[in-house]
Amino acid sequence: MEILSFMLWLLLPCLTLYLLFQLKRTKSSLRRLPPGPFPLPIFGNIFQLGDNPHRSLAKLAKTYGPLMTLQLGQITTVVISSPDMAKEIIQKNDLSFSNRFIPDSAHAFSHQEFSMPWLPVSTPWKNLRKISNSYLFSICRLDASRHLRQKKVEELLSFVQRSCKACVAVDIGKVTFETTFNLMSNILCSMDFVELGSNSSNEYKEIIRGIAEEYGKPNFADYFPILKILDPQKIRHRMTIHMEKIMNLFNIAIDKRLEAKNSCSANANDVLDALINIMQMNSQELERPYITHLMIDLLVAGTDTTSSTIEWAMTELLRNPDKLKKAQAELEEFIGRGNPVEEGNIATLSYLQSIVKETLRLHPPAPFLIPRKSAIDIELCGFTVPMNAQVLVNVWAIGRDVKFWENPNSFKPERFLESNINFKGQDFELIPFGAGRRICPGLPLAMRMLPVILGSLVHSFNWKLQNGNNPDSMDMEEKFGITLQKVAPLCAIPISK
C-alpha cells in the first residue's frame, strides 16, 4: 500500500472526516455491529490490511470470528470467513446483498455503468445476464464451440512440443495466458489477438494483470470518498490507460464487423455477431457501449482466472511429484498414450477433476470474490450488518478453514475423491466462482477449459524445473489483486514421454 507518502497531506481533510465519522458512529452505536479490531482515529483498520489482505483478514478472523467488522477510513466493511456465514449472505439474504460495492477504479471510462459484474441488479444487468447465458454459456453454444477450444489446445501442445525438442523451458503462465486469450478472442470476434510465444503477448498480459491488480488494490479514494476527485494513488489513472487499450481493440473489431454487415459480407457466427444482431433488432435492450464493456469483462475474466489457475495447478503438481504421476497414470488408463484429452473424457477423469478442485480451494482466482454492498440493515447471528456496508467474502480463508478441511494448507486432491463437493455454487466450503444470482456466468466454460488444458499438459509431457531446481524450494508467493497471481513465473522444461 502507498500509505506513508500520503499521510501528511491527508491529515487535515482526514481530521474533518474523522469528526463526521464520530458523529455517524455515535448515531449507529445503538446497533450492534459484528466484532472486530479496534479502529484507529481517521484511518480505522486500514493499516491492518497489509500487502495480502486475504491472509491478514483470515488471521484476524481467528480472533474475532467469521462475521467481522473493520472500519476502513469512512467505509464500514464486514468480512465473511466461514461457509455458514457465506451461505447466510449469498443464499439466504441474496437479494439484500446482490449489489456491488464499486471501487473508484471501476469508474474508468464509466465502466461501472455498463459492466455486468458492477451493475446493480436491474434491467440492464438482467439483459446482459440473459444474453451471456444464451449466446455464450448455454450447453448448446458451448458444444458448438468445442472444436475451437480443441484447436487452441492443439496449438498450445504444438508450441510446447517445439520447446521440448529444443530443451527450452516453458513459461506456463505466459503460454496458458496466450492460449486462453486467443480462445476468448476467437469466441468473441473470430480472431487471434496474439501469437503463441511472441513478445506481442507481453503487453496484453500486463494490461489484463494490471486491470486485475488495480481493481483489488487498497485505495484511499474508496476509503475516503472525498478524495475520489484527486485519485491520490493514481489507481484510476492507470486503470484508464489499461482500459483504453482494450477498448480500442474491441472498438476496431466492432467497427469492422458493422462495416462488413452493412456491405453484406459478414459471415461470422461468434459472440460479436450475436450482440450486433441484438443491438440492431432492439437497441433499447442492448446499446453499443454495453457490447464493448461486456466483451472487455469476458476477455479479462475468462483469460486471467483460467491461466492463473492452470499455473497454480502445475506448480502444485511439480511440488508434489507423486500427485503428478497419479494424474498421468489416470490419463493413460482412460485416454491412452498419444491420444488427445477431449472434453468428452473429463467425466471419467475423477482424479484430474479433484486436482482442479484442490487448486481452486488453495488458490481461488478471486480471494474476496467481487465486493458486495448491503442494501438495508440486516440482522445476522444477533449482529447488524449496516446498510451500505462493504461485504467481503474471504473464499481464500474459507478454503483453508481447519473446521472444514483436514490439513488445509496441504495440496491433497484425494480429499475430493470420496466427496461430492463441487464449485458450482451449492457447496459453500468451495465457492471460488461465487454463488447465488451473482455467481460467475462463465463457470460452465471454466468447467470445460480448466481440466482439458491442464490434462493435456500433464498427459502429453513429463516436466522438470529448469536449472535443476528443487521442487521444495519453489517460490509460492502471491500477488494480491481482484485475482490472485503467482509472483514468480513457473518455468518448466517439457520432456517427451
Protein backbone atom coordinates (compact mmCIF):
# COMPACT_ATOMS: atom_id res chain seq x y z
CA MET A 1 0.00 0.00 0.00
CA GLU A 2 1.23 3.51 -0.80
CA ILE A 3 0.31 4.87 2.62
CA LEU A 4 3.18 6.75 4.22
CA SER A 5 3.66 9.12 1.30
CA PHE A 6 0.06 10.34 1.64
CA MET A 7 -0.28 10.61 5.42
CA LEU A 8 0.93 14.19 5.85
CA TRP A 9 -1.14 15.86 3.17
CA LEU A 10 -4.16 13.74 4.07
CA LEU A 11 -4.12 14.79 7.71
CA LEU A 12 -6.27 17.95 7.57
CA PRO A 13 -9.13 16.61 5.40
CA CYS A 14 -8.99 13.34 7.31
CA LEU A 15 -9.42 15.14 10.63
CA THR A 16 -12.59 16.67 9.25
CA LEU A 17 -13.77 13.29 8.04
CA TYR A 18 -12.95 11.80 11.44
CA LEU A 19 -15.22 14.26 13.21
CA LEU A 20 -18.02 13.49 10.78
CA PHE A 21 -17.40 9.78 11.25
CA GLN A 22 -17.58 10.15 15.02
CA LEU A 23 -21.00 11.77 14.70
CA LYS A 24 -22.13 8.98 12.40
CA ARG A 25 -20.67 6.35 14.72
CA THR A 26 -22.50 7.79 17.71
CA LYS A 27 -25.73 7.56 15.77
CA SER A 28 -25.07 3.96 14.79
CA SER A 29 -23.89 2.85 18.23
CA LEU A 30 -27.43 1.72 19.02
CA ARG A 31 -26.85 -1.07 16.51
CA ARG A 32 -24.64 -3.98 17.49
CA LEU A 33 -22.03 -4.40 14.76
CA PRO A 34 -20.13 -7.68 14.40
CA PRO A 35 -16.91 -7.79 16.46
CA GLY A 36 -13.63 -6.60 15.04
CA PRO A 37 -10.28 -4.99 15.86
CA PHE A 38 -10.34 -1.53 17.43
CA PRO A 39 -10.10 1.17 14.73
CA LEU A 40 -7.53 3.96 14.89
CA PRO A 41 -8.73 7.54 14.61
CA ILE A 42 -9.31 8.65 10.99
CA PHE A 43 -7.74 5.62 9.31
CA GLY A 44 -9.59 2.90 11.16
CA ASN A 45 -8.17 -0.54 10.37
CA ILE A 46 -6.52 0.34 7.04
CA PHE A 47 -3.05 -0.41 8.34
CA GLN A 48 -4.08 -3.94 9.27
CA LEU A 49 -4.78 -4.92 5.67
CA GLY A 50 -1.13 -5.34 4.68
CA ASP A 51 0.09 -6.38 1.23
CA ASN A 52 -2.01 -9.56 1.28
CA PRO A 53 -5.39 -8.61 2.78
CA HIS A 54 -6.84 -12.09 2.26
CA ARG A 55 -4.21 -13.50 4.63
CA SER A 56 -4.36 -10.59 7.10
CA LEU A 57 -8.15 -10.79 7.39
CA ALA A 58 -8.09 -14.58 7.69
CA LYS A 59 -5.71 -14.18 10.64
CA LEU A 60 -7.93 -11.52 12.25
CA ALA A 61 -10.98 -13.77 11.79
CA LYS A 62 -9.35 -16.35 14.06
CA THR A 63 -9.62 -13.79 16.83
CA TYR A 64 -12.88 -12.00 16.03
CA GLY A 65 -14.85 -14.73 14.27
CA PRO A 66 -16.25 -15.47 10.80
CA LEU A 67 -18.51 -12.39 10.90
CA MET A 68 -16.17 -9.46 11.50
CA THR A 69 -16.31 -5.68 11.20
CA LEU A 70 -13.49 -3.44 10.02
CA GLN A 71 -13.53 0.32 9.66
CA LEU A 72 -11.58 1.27 6.55
CA GLY A 73 -11.47 5.04 6.66
CA GLN A 74 -15.13 6.05 6.32
CA ILE A 75 -16.21 2.67 4.98
CA THR A 76 -17.71 0.06 7.27
CA THR A 77 -16.61 -3.33 5.98
CA VAL A 78 -17.99 -6.72 7.05
CA VAL A 79 -15.78 -9.74 6.35
CA ILE A 80 -17.21 -13.25 5.95
CA SER A 81 -14.80 -16.11 6.65
CA SER A 82 -16.84 -19.32 7.02
CA PRO A 83 -19.14 -21.41 4.80
CA ASP A 84 -22.09 -20.90 7.16
CA MET A 85 -21.76 -17.12 7.13
CA ALA A 86 -21.24 -17.12 3.35
CA LYS A 87 -24.47 -19.07 2.96
CA GLU A 88 -26.30 -16.51 5.12
CA ILE A 89 -25.09 -13.69 2.90
CA ILE A 90 -25.15 -15.23 -0.57
CA GLN A 91 -28.10 -17.61 -0.36
CA LYS A 92 -30.46 -16.75 2.49
CA ASN A 93 -30.13 -12.97 2.10
CA ASP A 94 -29.03 -12.90 -1.53
CA LEU A 95 -31.37 -10.08 -2.62
CA SER A 96 -30.19 -7.76 0.16
CA PHE A 97 -26.52 -8.32 -0.75
CA SER A 98 -26.77 -8.60 -4.55
CA ASN A 99 -25.47 -5.15 -5.43
CA ARG A 100 -21.81 -4.24 -5.60
CA PHE A 101 -19.51 -2.02 -3.62
CA ILE A 102 -17.96 -0.26 -6.60
CA PRO A 103 -14.28 0.71 -6.30
CA ASP A 104 -13.15 4.02 -7.74
CA SER A 105 -11.00 2.13 -10.26
CA ALA A 106 -14.18 0.78 -11.91
CA HIS A 107 -15.16 4.33 -12.89
CA ALA A 108 -12.53 4.43 -15.65
CA PHE A 109 -14.44 5.12 -18.87
CA SER A 110 -17.65 4.86 -16.78
CA HIS A 111 -17.16 1.11 -16.82
CA GLN A 112 -19.41 0.65 -13.79
CA GLU A 113 -22.39 1.96 -15.80
CA PHE A 114 -22.15 -0.76 -18.47
CA SER A 115 -20.31 -3.67 -16.86
CA MET A 116 -22.24 -6.78 -15.87
CA PRO A 117 -20.06 -7.52 -12.78
CA TRP A 118 -20.51 -3.97 -11.41
CA LEU A 119 -24.08 -3.11 -12.44
CA PRO A 120 -26.76 -3.35 -9.75
CA VAL A 121 -29.47 -5.98 -10.14
CA SER A 122 -31.55 -4.07 -12.68
CA THR A 123 -33.00 -4.33 -16.18
CA PRO A 124 -29.63 -3.71 -17.93
CA TRP A 125 -27.96 -6.31 -15.71
CA LYS A 126 -30.72 -8.84 -16.36
CA ASN A 127 -30.45 -8.23 -20.12
CA LEU A 128 -26.69 -8.76 -20.09
CA ARG A 129 -27.01 -11.86 -17.93
CA LYS A 130 -29.67 -13.31 -20.24
CA ILE A 131 -27.57 -12.58 -23.32
CA SER A 132 -24.48 -14.17 -21.73
CA ASN A 133 -26.37 -17.29 -20.73
CA SER A 134 -27.99 -17.63 -24.15
CA TYR A 135 -25.18 -16.69 -26.53
CA LEU A 136 -22.05 -17.65 -24.63
CA PHE A 137 -22.51 -20.17 -21.86
CA SER A 138 -25.51 -22.30 -22.78
CA ILE A 139 -24.84 -26.01 -23.31
CA CYS A 140 -25.77 -25.63 -26.97
CA ARG A 141 -23.33 -22.76 -27.53
CA LEU A 142 -20.52 -24.42 -25.62
CA ASP A 143 -20.96 -27.65 -27.58
CA ALA A 144 -20.89 -25.67 -30.84
CA SER A 145 -17.56 -24.04 -29.91
CA ARG A 146 -15.91 -27.23 -28.66
CA HIS A 147 -13.87 -27.61 -31.85
CA LEU A 148 -12.44 -24.12 -31.35
CA ARG A 149 -11.28 -24.90 -27.82
CA GLN A 150 -9.74 -28.17 -29.00
CA LYS A 151 -7.91 -26.32 -31.78
CA LYS A 152 -6.39 -23.86 -29.30
CA VAL A 153 -5.26 -26.70 -27.03
CA GLU A 154 -3.61 -28.38 -30.03
CA GLU A 155 -1.78 -25.14 -30.82
CA LEU A 156 -0.62 -24.98 -27.21
CA LEU A 157 0.69 -28.55 -27.34
CA SER A 158 2.47 -27.85 -30.65
CA PHE A 159 4.25 -24.90 -29.09
CA VAL A 160 5.25 -26.97 -26.04
CA GLN A 161 6.46 -29.75 -28.34
CA ARG A 162 8.79 -27.31 -30.11
CA SER A 163 10.14 -26.21 -26.74
CA CYS A 164 10.58 -29.86 -25.81
CA LYS A 165 12.69 -30.55 -28.89
CA ALA A 166 14.81 -27.50 -28.17
CA CYS A 167 15.10 -28.39 -24.46
CA VAL A 168 13.79 -24.90 -23.63
CA ALA A 169 11.79 -24.13 -20.51
CA VAL A 170 8.17 -23.09 -20.94
CA ASP A 171 6.73 -20.18 -19.01
CA ILE A 172 3.50 -21.94 -18.05
CA GLY A 173 1.65 -18.80 -17.00
CA LYS A 174 2.59 -16.95 -20.18
CA VAL A 175 1.74 -19.70 -22.65
CA THR A 176 -1.56 -20.57 -20.95
CA PHE A 177 -2.40 -16.87 -20.87
CA GLU A 178 -1.78 -16.65 -24.63
CA THR A 179 -3.87 -19.77 -25.24
CA THR A 180 -6.86 -18.60 -23.21
CA PHE A 181 -6.50 -15.03 -24.56
CA ASN A 182 -6.73 -16.31 -28.14
CA LEU A 183 -9.50 -18.70 -27.23
CA MET A 184 -11.61 -15.92 -25.77
CA SER A 185 -10.83 -13.55 -28.65
CA ASN A 186 -11.94 -16.23 -31.13
CA ILE A 187 -15.14 -16.94 -29.21
CA LEU A 188 -15.84 -13.22 -29.06
CA CYS A 189 -14.83 -11.99 -32.50
CA SER A 190 -13.22 -14.86 -34.50
CA MET A 191 -9.61 -13.71 -34.41
CA ASP A 192 -6.33 -14.38 -32.64
CA PHE A 193 -5.06 -11.36 -30.74
CA VAL A 194 -1.56 -12.74 -30.08
CA GLU A 195 0.88 -15.34 -31.37
CA LEU A 196 2.00 -18.09 -29.01
CA GLY A 197 5.48 -17.46 -27.67
CA SER A 198 5.73 -13.97 -29.14
CA ASN A 199 6.64 -10.78 -27.34
CA SER A 200 3.40 -9.21 -28.54
CA SER A 201 1.51 -11.04 -25.81
CA ASN A 202 3.54 -9.43 -23.03
CA GLU A 203 1.78 -6.09 -23.41
CA TYR A 204 -1.67 -7.67 -23.26
CA LYS A 205 -0.69 -9.79 -20.29
CA GLU A 206 0.49 -6.68 -18.46
CA ILE A 207 -2.78 -4.92 -19.32
CA ILE A 208 -5.02 -7.78 -18.13
CA ARG A 209 -2.98 -8.38 -15.00
CA GLY A 210 -2.84 -4.62 -14.43
CA ILE A 211 -6.62 -4.35 -14.55
CA ALA A 212 -6.99 -7.18 -12.01
CA GLU A 213 -4.35 -5.63 -9.75
CA GLU A 214 -5.85 -2.11 -9.81
CA TYR A 215 -9.34 -3.45 -9.06
CA GLY A 216 -8.12 -5.19 -5.93
CA LYS A 217 -5.54 -2.71 -4.67
CA PRO A 218 -6.45 -0.93 -1.39
CA ASN A 219 -7.36 2.61 -2.45
CA PHE A 220 -7.64 5.77 -0.32
CA ALA A 221 -10.23 7.09 -2.78
CA ASP A 222 -12.50 4.20 -1.74
CA TYR A 223 -11.95 4.66 1.99
CA PHE A 224 -12.32 8.46 1.89
CA PRO A 225 -14.76 9.28 -0.93
CA ILE A 226 -13.91 12.99 -0.78
CA LEU A 227 -10.55 12.02 -2.30
CA LYS A 228 -12.05 10.48 -5.45
CA ILE A 229 -11.57 13.71 -7.39
CA LEU A 230 -7.85 13.68 -6.54
CA ASP A 231 -7.17 10.00 -7.29
CA PRO A 232 -4.23 10.22 -4.83
CA GLN A 233 -2.64 6.87 -5.70
CA LYS A 234 -3.32 7.30 -9.46
CA ILE A 235 -5.13 3.97 -9.49
CA ARG A 236 -8.00 5.24 -11.66
CA HIS A 237 -5.45 6.94 -13.94
CA ARG A 238 -3.58 3.67 -14.53
CA MET A 239 -6.85 1.79 -14.95
CA THR A 240 -7.93 4.30 -17.61
CA ILE A 241 -4.74 3.63 -19.57
CA HIS A 242 -5.27 -0.15 -19.39
CA MET A 243 -8.95 0.08 -20.29
CA GLU A 244 -8.33 2.40 -23.24
CA LYS A 245 -6.04 -0.12 -24.92
CA ILE A 246 -8.56 -2.94 -24.60
CA MET A 247 -11.46 -0.69 -25.63
CA ASN A 248 -9.60 0.37 -28.77
CA LEU A 249 -9.02 -3.27 -29.63
CA PHE A 250 -12.73 -4.08 -29.45
CA ASN A 251 -13.97 -0.82 -30.98
CA ILE A 252 -11.89 -1.54 -34.07
CA ALA A 253 -13.33 -5.07 -34.23
CA ILE A 254 -16.89 -3.75 -33.82
CA ASP A 255 -16.43 -1.08 -36.49
CA LYS A 256 -15.08 -3.63 -38.96
CA ARG A 257 -17.92 -6.02 -38.25
CA LEU A 258 -20.56 -3.30 -38.68
CA GLU A 259 -18.97 -2.28 -41.96
CA ALA A 260 -18.95 -5.89 -43.15
CA LYS A 261 -22.60 -6.38 -42.15
CA ASN A 262 -23.60 -3.20 -43.96
CA SER A 263 -21.91 -4.48 -47.11
CA CYS A 264 -23.49 -7.94 -46.62
CA SER A 265 -20.05 -9.56 -46.45
CA ALA A 266 -20.14 -10.69 -42.82
CA ASN A 267 -20.43 -14.44 -42.26
CA ALA A 268 -19.15 -14.86 -38.71
CA ASN A 269 -21.12 -16.80 -36.14
CA ASP A 270 -19.50 -15.55 -32.97
CA VAL A 271 -20.49 -13.57 -29.89
CA LEU A 272 -19.88 -10.21 -31.55
CA ASP A 273 -22.17 -11.14 -34.42
CA ALA A 274 -24.91 -12.18 -32.00
CA LEU A 275 -24.53 -8.98 -29.97
CA ILE A 276 -24.69 -6.75 -33.04
CA ASN A 277 -27.80 -8.57 -34.26
CA ILE A 278 -29.48 -7.97 -30.89
CA MET A 279 -28.46 -4.30 -30.98
CA GLN A 280 -29.81 -3.82 -34.49
CA MET A 281 -33.10 -5.56 -33.69
CA ASN A 282 -33.65 -3.90 -30.32
CA SER A 283 -31.32 -1.05 -29.46
CA GLN A 284 -33.15 -0.45 -26.17
CA GLU A 285 -32.17 -3.92 -24.95
CA LEU A 286 -28.51 -3.60 -25.93
CA GLU A 287 -26.70 -0.41 -26.89
CA ARG A 288 -23.18 -0.31 -28.29
CA PRO A 289 -21.41 0.73 -25.04
CA TYR A 290 -22.77 -2.40 -23.37
CA ILE A 291 -21.25 -4.53 -26.15
CA THR A 292 -17.79 -3.02 -25.73
CA HIS A 293 -17.77 -3.26 -21.95
CA LEU A 294 -19.25 -6.77 -21.94
CA MET A 295 -16.51 -8.02 -24.25
CA ILE A 296 -13.87 -6.41 -22.03
CA ASP A 297 -15.31 -8.17 -18.98
CA LEU A 298 -15.43 -11.52 -20.76
CA LEU A 299 -11.89 -11.24 -22.10
CA VAL A 300 -10.38 -10.13 -18.78
CA ALA A 301 -12.25 -12.62 -16.59
CA GLY A 302 -12.02 -15.57 -18.98
CA THR A 303 -8.29 -15.12 -19.57
CA ASP A 304 -6.87 -14.16 -16.21
CA THR A 305 -8.68 -16.63 -13.96
CA THR A 306 -8.07 -19.61 -16.24
CA SER A 307 -4.39 -19.02 -16.90
CA SER A 308 -3.57 -18.30 -13.25
CA THR A 309 -5.42 -21.44 -12.10
CA ILE A 310 -3.51 -23.60 -14.60
CA GLU A 311 -0.22 -22.09 -13.45
CA TRP A 312 -1.04 -22.75 -9.78
CA ALA A 313 -2.15 -26.31 -10.60
CA MET A 314 1.06 -27.09 -12.49
CA THR A 315 3.08 -25.52 -9.66
CA GLU A 316 1.41 -27.76 -7.08
CA LEU A 317 1.89 -30.86 -9.24
CA LEU A 318 5.59 -30.16 -9.73
CA ARG A 319 5.92 -29.63 -5.95
CA ASN A 320 4.16 -32.97 -5.42
CA PRO A 321 5.59 -35.42 -7.99
CA ASP A 322 3.54 -38.30 -6.60
CA LYS A 323 0.33 -36.39 -7.45
CA LEU A 324 1.62 -35.69 -10.94
CA LYS A 325 2.38 -39.36 -11.54
CA LYS A 326 -1.04 -40.35 -10.23
CA ALA A 327 -2.72 -37.92 -12.64
CA GLN A 328 -0.64 -39.21 -15.55
CA ALA A 329 -1.50 -42.81 -14.67
CA GLU A 330 -5.22 -42.00 -14.72
CA LEU A 331 -4.91 -40.24 -18.07
CA GLU A 332 -3.02 -43.15 -19.62
CA GLU A 333 -5.60 -45.61 -18.31
CA PHE A 334 -8.67 -43.76 -19.58
CA ILE A 335 -7.29 -41.78 -22.54
CA GLY A 336 -4.38 -43.87 -23.76
CA ARG A 337 -0.85 -42.71 -24.51
CA GLY A 338 -0.70 -40.41 -27.55
CA ASN A 339 -4.43 -39.71 -27.60
CA PRO A 340 -5.69 -36.16 -27.03
CA VAL A 341 -7.58 -35.16 -23.91
CA GLU A 342 -11.04 -34.04 -25.01
CA GLU A 343 -13.97 -32.51 -23.19
CA GLY A 344 -15.96 -35.72 -23.55
CA ASN A 345 -13.32 -37.54 -21.47
CA ILE A 346 -13.47 -35.29 -18.42
CA ALA A 347 -16.33 -37.09 -16.67
CA THR A 348 -14.19 -40.26 -16.44
CA LEU A 349 -11.15 -38.47 -15.01
CA SER A 350 -12.04 -38.17 -11.35
CA TYR A 351 -8.51 -37.50 -10.11
CA LEU A 352 -7.94 -34.73 -12.68
CA GLN A 353 -11.20 -33.13 -11.59
CA SER A 354 -10.04 -33.41 -7.98
CA ILE A 355 -6.80 -31.63 -8.85
CA VAL A 356 -8.78 -28.73 -10.33
CA LYS A 357 -10.98 -28.54 -7.22
CA GLU A 358 -8.00 -28.68 -4.87
CA THR A 359 -6.23 -25.92 -6.82
CA LEU A 360 -9.32 -23.72 -6.64
CA ARG A 361 -9.58 -24.40 -2.90
CA LEU A 362 -5.97 -23.44 -2.17
CA HIS A 363 -5.62 -20.72 -4.81
CA PRO A 364 -9.06 -19.24 -5.58
CA PRO A 365 -8.83 -16.88 -8.56
CA ALA A 366 -10.65 -14.09 -6.67
CA PRO A 367 -9.79 -14.35 -2.95
CA PHE A 368 -12.62 -11.96 -1.93
CA LEU A 369 -14.92 -12.57 -4.92
CA ILE A 370 -16.30 -9.20 -6.07
CA PRO A 371 -17.24 -6.95 -3.12
CA ARG A 372 -20.94 -6.75 -2.25
CA LYS A 373 -22.90 -3.96 -0.60
CA SER A 374 -25.75 -4.30 1.86
CA ALA A 375 -28.98 -2.69 0.64
CA ILE A 376 -30.55 -2.41 4.12
CA ASP A 377 -29.69 -3.10 7.75
CA ILE A 378 -29.60 -6.89 8.09
CA GLU A 379 -29.63 -8.89 11.33
CA LEU A 380 -27.21 -11.84 11.27
CA CYS A 381 -26.48 -14.02 14.29
CA GLY A 382 -27.51 -11.26 16.68
CA PHE A 383 -25.43 -8.59 14.94
CA THR A 384 -26.34 -5.84 12.48
CA VAL A 385 -24.74 -5.56 9.07
CA PRO A 386 -25.47 -1.88 8.37
CA MET A 387 -26.88 -0.52 5.13
CA ASN A 388 -24.24 0.40 2.52
CA ALA A 389 -21.53 -1.63 4.25
CA GLN A 390 -18.93 -3.23 2.02
CA VAL A 391 -19.18 -7.03 2.35
CA LEU A 392 -16.14 -9.17 1.57
CA VAL A 393 -16.45 -12.96 1.33
CA ASN A 394 -12.96 -14.31 2.01
CA VAL A 395 -13.09 -17.52 -0.01
CA TRP A 396 -9.33 -17.93 0.50
CA ALA A 397 -9.93 -18.20 4.25
CA ILE A 398 -12.94 -20.48 3.77
CA GLY A 399 -10.83 -22.83 1.66
CA ARG A 400 -8.25 -23.13 4.45
CA ASP A 401 -10.56 -23.36 7.45
CA VAL A 402 -9.42 -26.18 9.76
CA LYS A 403 -13.02 -26.71 10.85
CA PHE A 404 -13.95 -27.91 7.36
CA TRP A 405 -10.69 -29.13 5.81
CA GLU A 406 -8.19 -31.63 7.19
CA ASN A 407 -4.61 -30.36 6.76
CA PRO A 408 -5.98 -27.35 4.88
CA ASN A 409 -2.59 -25.99 3.76
CA SER A 410 -1.61 -29.27 2.08
CA PHE A 411 -2.23 -30.00 -1.59
CA LYS A 412 -4.29 -33.16 -1.37
CA PRO A 413 -6.61 -33.82 -4.34
CA GLU A 414 -7.56 -37.16 -2.79
CA ARG A 415 -9.83 -35.31 -0.33
CA PHE A 416 -12.34 -34.85 -3.18
CA LEU A 417 -12.36 -38.45 -4.45
CA GLU A 418 -14.77 -39.55 -1.74
CA SER A 419 -16.63 -36.24 -1.65
CA ASN A 420 -19.49 -34.79 -3.69
CA ILE A 421 -18.36 -31.22 -3.06
CA ASN A 422 -18.10 -29.15 -6.23
CA PHE A 423 -17.60 -25.49 -7.10
CA LYS A 424 -20.98 -24.87 -8.79
CA GLY A 425 -22.23 -22.61 -6.01
CA GLN A 426 -24.14 -25.13 -3.88
CA ASP A 427 -21.34 -26.15 -1.52
CA PHE A 428 -20.23 -23.08 0.41
CA GLU A 429 -16.99 -24.72 1.53
CA LEU A 430 -15.82 -24.27 -2.08
CA ILE A 431 -17.15 -21.19 -3.89
CA PRO A 432 -14.27 -19.82 -6.00
CA PHE A 433 -16.77 -18.60 -8.61
CA GLY A 434 -19.26 -17.27 -6.08
CA ALA A 435 -22.86 -18.39 -5.65
CA GLY A 436 -26.39 -17.07 -5.85
CA ARG A 437 -27.64 -14.72 -8.53
CA ARG A 438 -24.21 -13.06 -8.88
CA ILE A 439 -22.34 -16.33 -9.47
CA CYS A 440 -19.77 -16.03 -12.26
CA PRO A 441 -21.66 -16.60 -15.55
CA GLY A 442 -18.52 -18.07 -17.12
CA LEU A 443 -18.49 -21.06 -14.76
CA PRO A 444 -19.76 -23.54 -17.43
CA LEU A 445 -16.92 -22.51 -19.75
CA ALA A 446 -14.32 -22.73 -16.97
CA MET A 447 -15.51 -26.25 -16.10
CA ARG A 448 -14.64 -27.30 -19.64
CA MET A 449 -11.44 -25.34 -20.19
CA LEU A 450 -9.56 -25.95 -16.95
CA PRO A 451 -9.42 -29.78 -16.95
CA VAL A 452 -8.76 -30.04 -20.69
CA ILE A 453 -5.82 -27.60 -20.73
CA LEU A 454 -4.33 -28.98 -17.51
CA GLY A 455 -4.94 -32.60 -18.53
CA SER A 456 -3.35 -32.02 -21.94
CA LEU A 457 -0.17 -30.55 -20.44
CA VAL A 458 0.10 -33.38 -17.91
CA HIS A 459 -0.79 -36.17 -20.34
CA SER A 460 1.41 -35.14 -23.26
CA PHE A 461 4.68 -34.44 -21.42
CA ASN A 462 6.75 -35.13 -18.37
CA TRP A 463 8.03 -31.98 -16.67
CA LYS A 464 11.05 -30.84 -14.70
CA LEU A 465 12.05 -27.48 -13.25
CA GLN A 466 14.72 -25.56 -15.12
CA ASN A 467 18.28 -25.38 -13.80
CA GLY A 468 17.68 -28.49 -11.72
CA ASN A 469 15.78 -26.50 -9.11
CA ASN A 470 14.40 -28.39 -6.13
CA PRO A 471 10.56 -28.54 -6.10
CA ASP A 472 10.57 -27.95 -2.34
CA SER A 473 12.22 -24.56 -2.86
CA MET A 474 9.66 -23.24 -5.35
CA ASP A 475 8.51 -19.67 -4.78
CA MET A 476 4.81 -19.74 -3.78
CA GLU A 477 4.47 -16.01 -3.09
CA GLU A 478 1.18 -14.43 -4.21
CA LYS A 479 0.44 -11.02 -5.70
CA PHE A 480 -2.86 -9.70 -4.43
CA GLY A 481 -5.46 -8.15 -6.73
CA ILE A 482 -9.08 -8.88 -7.55
CA THR A 483 -7.45 -12.11 -8.79
CA LEU A 484 -4.61 -13.89 -7.01
CA GLN A 485 -1.49 -14.16 -9.15
CA LYS A 486 1.74 -16.08 -8.73
CA VAL A 487 4.63 -13.65 -8.27
CA ALA A 488 7.44 -15.85 -9.61
CA PRO A 489 6.61 -17.33 -13.05
CA LEU A 490 6.59 -21.12 -13.27
CA CYS A 491 9.18 -22.11 -15.86
CA ALA A 492 9.45 -25.85 -16.52
CA ILE A 493 11.11 -27.99 -19.19
CA PRO A 494 8.80 -30.40 -21.05
CA ILE A 495 10.17 -33.90 -21.67
CA SER A 496 8.80 -36.33 -24.25
CA LYS A 497 7.21 -39.43 -22.87
